[in-house]
Protein backbone atom coordinates (compact mmCIF):
# COMPACT_ATOMS: atom_id res chain seq x y z
CA MET A 1 34.86 -6.22 -30.75
CA PHE A 2 33.25 -6.66 -34.38
CA TYR A 3 31.67 -3.01 -34.68
CA PRO A 4 34.83 -1.28 -34.39
CA THR A 5 36.24 -3.36 -37.12
CA VAL A 6 33.04 -2.62 -39.47
CA ILE A 7 32.94 0.62 -38.64
CA GLY A 8 36.14 1.26 -39.82
CA ASN A 9 36.01 -0.79 -43.02
CA LEU A 10 32.75 1.17 -43.74
CA ALA A 11 34.72 4.50 -43.62
CA SER A 12 37.29 3.47 -45.65
CA PHE A 13 34.66 4.07 -48.44
CA GLY A 14 34.33 7.69 -47.57
CA VAL A 15 30.95 9.39 -46.94
CA ALA A 16 28.86 6.31 -47.76
CA GLY A 17 30.66 4.02 -45.44
CA LEU A 18 30.59 6.86 -42.48
CA MET A 19 27.11 7.15 -43.34
CA GLY A 20 26.31 3.52 -43.11
CA SER A 21 28.74 3.12 -40.12
CA MET A 22 26.68 5.56 -38.13
CA TRP A 23 23.97 3.93 -39.22
CA LEU A 24 24.50 0.38 -37.68
CA TRP A 25 25.62 2.35 -34.72
CA GLU A 26 22.66 3.87 -34.17
CA ARG A 27 21.09 0.49 -34.88
CA ARG A 28 22.99 -1.67 -32.37
CA ASN A 29 22.49 1.14 -29.73
CA SER A 30 18.35 1.23 -30.95
CA ARG A 31 18.64 -2.63 -30.18
CA LEU A 32 20.51 -2.10 -26.88
CA ARG A 33 17.92 0.56 -25.68
CA GLU A 34 15.29 -1.79 -26.72
CA GLU A 35 16.12 -4.54 -24.68
CA GLN A 36 16.68 -2.15 -21.86
CA LEU A 37 12.98 -0.68 -22.00
CA THR A 38 11.82 -4.23 -22.63
CA GLU A 39 13.58 -5.35 -18.97
CA ALA A 40 12.40 -1.93 -17.66
CA HIS A 41 8.67 -2.95 -18.68
CA GLY A 42 8.89 -6.09 -17.11
CA ARG A 43 10.75 -5.16 -13.68
CA ILE A 44 7.56 -2.66 -13.47
CA VAL A 45 4.87 -5.00 -14.47
CA ARG A 46 6.49 -7.54 -11.31
CA ASP A 47 7.11 -5.05 -9.23
CA GLU A 48 3.29 -3.74 -9.65
CA GLN A 49 1.90 -7.29 -9.06
CA ARG A 50 4.11 -7.46 -5.47
CA LEU A 51 2.78 -4.25 -4.65
CA GLY A 52 -0.68 -5.13 -5.33
CA LYS A 53 -0.22 -7.95 -2.92
CA LEU A 54 1.56 -5.50 -0.41
CA VAL A 55 -1.54 -3.07 -0.31
CA GLU A 56 -3.83 -6.45 -0.19
CA VAL A 57 -2.12 -7.54 3.17
CA VAL A 58 -1.90 -4.00 4.60
CA GLU A 59 -5.64 -3.60 3.78
CA HIS A 60 -6.49 -7.19 5.59
CA ASN A 61 -4.30 -5.89 8.34
CA THR A 62 -6.26 -2.95 8.86
CA ALA A 63 -9.61 -4.78 9.06
CA ALA A 64 -8.42 -6.88 11.49
CA MET A 65 -6.68 -4.11 13.62
CA THR A 66 -10.19 -2.18 13.08
CA ARG A 67 -12.36 -5.24 14.55
CA PHE A 68 -9.63 -5.68 17.44
CA ALA A 69 -10.27 -2.28 18.57
CA GLU A 70 -13.98 -3.03 18.18
CA THR A 71 -13.78 -5.77 20.44
CA GLN A 72 -10.97 -3.79 23.04
CA GLN A 73 -13.94 -0.94 23.06
CA PHE A 74 -17.17 -3.09 23.71
CA VAL A 75 -14.80 -5.37 26.38
CA ARG A 76 -14.25 -1.89 28.05
CA GLN A 77 -17.56 -0.68 27.91
CA THR A 78 -18.79 -3.82 29.46
CA LEU A 79 -16.44 -3.76 32.00
CA THR A 80 -17.34 -0.41 32.57
CA ASP A 81 -21.30 -1.38 32.50
CA ILE A 82 -20.40 -4.58 35.21
CA ARG A 83 -18.81 -2.36 37.08
CA GLU A 84 -21.24 0.76 37.27
CA GLU A 85 -23.85 -2.04 38.07
CA MET A 86 -21.86 -3.35 40.79
CA ARG A 87 -21.58 0.04 42.40
CA ASN A 88 -25.08 0.64 42.36
CA GLY A 89 -25.84 -2.89 43.81
CA ARG A 90 -23.32 -1.94 46.93
CA LYS A 91 -25.01 1.39 47.38
CA MET A 92 -28.87 -0.39 47.65
């Protein structure tokens, strides 16, 4: 790797070399961390978009199930009314 060689050469210059090598090491680690944060941010944004679409699908499904349940309730009530009318018609 390039950095250990550079660090070794800079350390041979004493305290200034050691400080320089520490600065290079810190800059490299900072750059790598910045890249990791950028990648993580990109994943978070993509996940947020996907979750938004998923929430939209769940909302649509919930609305459809609610309409279906209301329709079922209406059909049940209609059949109950018809049955009652038929029973009342027979008794007359």
